[in-house]
Amino acid sequence: MNKKSAAFNKKTAAVALVFLLATIFWFTINVVWCLHDGRYSKLVIPAVFVVAGIVMFHNEYHKKRKRHVEEVKKYIR
């Protein structure tokens, strides 16, 4: 089994990716609105959410594999 494929949880990485894509979409809509209104201060909160989505996906993708209890017990005895 490939270590990289066993290392990260595909379900939570998919949820983080969906969150990232949704926040990028929300940020894009806010950029379009700010180009019409000229109020660029309203881009701070969407930008923070995009950064949070990037960090969530990065952390989930690079998560280390957890060891099973039975695998650890043989080293304790």
Protein backbone atom coordinates (compact mmCIF):
# COMPACT_ATOMS: atom_id res chain seq x y z
CA MET A 1 0.00 0.00 0.00
CA ASN A 2 1.27 3.43 -0.88
CA LYS A 3 2.12 5.48 2.22
CA LYS A 4 0.75 8.71 0.74
CA SER A 5 -2.65 7.18 -0.07
CA ALA A 6 -2.92 5.69 3.42
CA ALA A 7 -1.81 8.87 5.13
CA PHE A 8 -4.72 11.22 4.57
CA ASN A 9 -8.43 10.73 5.07
CA LYS A 10 -10.13 11.20 1.72
CA LYS A 11 -13.51 12.12 3.21
CA THR A 12 -12.29 15.00 5.35
CA ALA A 13 -9.96 16.18 2.59
CA ALA A 14 -12.97 16.24 0.25
CA VAL A 15 -14.96 18.29 2.78
CA ALA A 16 -12.05 20.72 3.12
CA LEU A 17 -11.80 20.97 -0.67
CA VAL A 18 -15.54 21.69 -1.00
CA PHE A 19 -15.21 24.39 1.67
CA LEU A 20 -12.24 25.87 -0.19
CA LEU A 21 -14.09 25.93 -3.51
CA ALA A 22 -17.19 27.48 -1.91
CA THR A 23 -15.14 30.23 -0.27
CA ILE A 24 -13.30 30.94 -3.53
CA PHE A 25 -16.68 31.29 -5.26
CA TRP A 26 -17.91 33.59 -2.47
CA PHE A 27 -14.70 35.64 -2.68
CA THR A 28 -15.08 35.99 -6.45
CA ILE A 29 -18.63 37.29 -6.08
CA ASN A 30 -17.44 39.81 -3.49
CA VAL A 31 -14.62 40.99 -5.77
CA VAL A 32 -17.14 41.64 -8.56
CA TRP A 33 -19.38 43.58 -6.17
CA CYS A 34 -16.42 45.59 -4.86
CA LEU A 35 -15.40 46.53 -8.39
CA HIS A 36 -18.83 48.13 -8.83
CA ASP A 37 -19.12 49.69 -5.35
CA GLY A 38 -15.49 50.57 -4.65
CA ARG A 39 -15.66 49.31 -1.05
CA TYR A 40 -12.62 47.08 -0.83
CA SER A 41 -12.80 46.80 2.97
CA LYS A 42 -15.58 44.23 2.52
CA LEU A 43 -13.06 41.79 1.02
CA VAL A 44 -11.28 41.15 4.33
CA ILE A 45 -13.65 38.51 5.73
CA PRO A 46 -13.97 36.50 2.48
CA ALA A 47 -10.18 36.58 2.08
CA VAL A 48 -9.75 35.22 5.62
CA PHE A 49 -12.14 32.38 4.82
CA VAL A 50 -10.24 31.54 1.63
CA VAL A 51 -6.98 31.39 3.60
CA ALA A 52 -8.69 29.18 6.20
CA GLY A 53 -9.88 26.83 3.44
CA ILE A 54 -6.38 26.61 2.01
CA VAL A 55 -4.91 25.84 5.43
CA MET A 56 -7.61 23.24 6.16
CA PHE A 57 -7.02 21.40 2.90
CA HIS A 58 -3.24 21.59 3.23
CA ASN A 59 -3.28 20.24 6.79
CA GLU A 60 -5.69 17.45 5.90
CA TYR A 61 -3.74 16.41 2.83
CA HIS A 62 -0.43 16.30 4.71
CA LYS A 63 -1.77 14.60 7.82
CA LYS A 64 0.41 11.81 9.19
CA ARG A 65 -0.86 8.26 9.34
CA LYS A 66 -2.13 7.19 12.75
CA ARG A 67 -0.90 3.89 14.10
CA HIS A 68 -3.31 1.16 15.10
CA VAL A 69 -3.42 0.16 18.79
CA GLU A 70 -2.39 -3.45 18.08
CA GLU A 71 0.57 -2.24 16.06
CA VAL A 72 1.79 -0.10 18.95
CA LYS A 73 1.22 -2.75 21.65
CA LYS A 74 3.91 -5.05 20.27
CA TYR A 75 6.54 -2.39 20.96
CA ILE A 76 5.34 -1.70 24.52
CA ARG A 77 5.82 -5.24 25.86
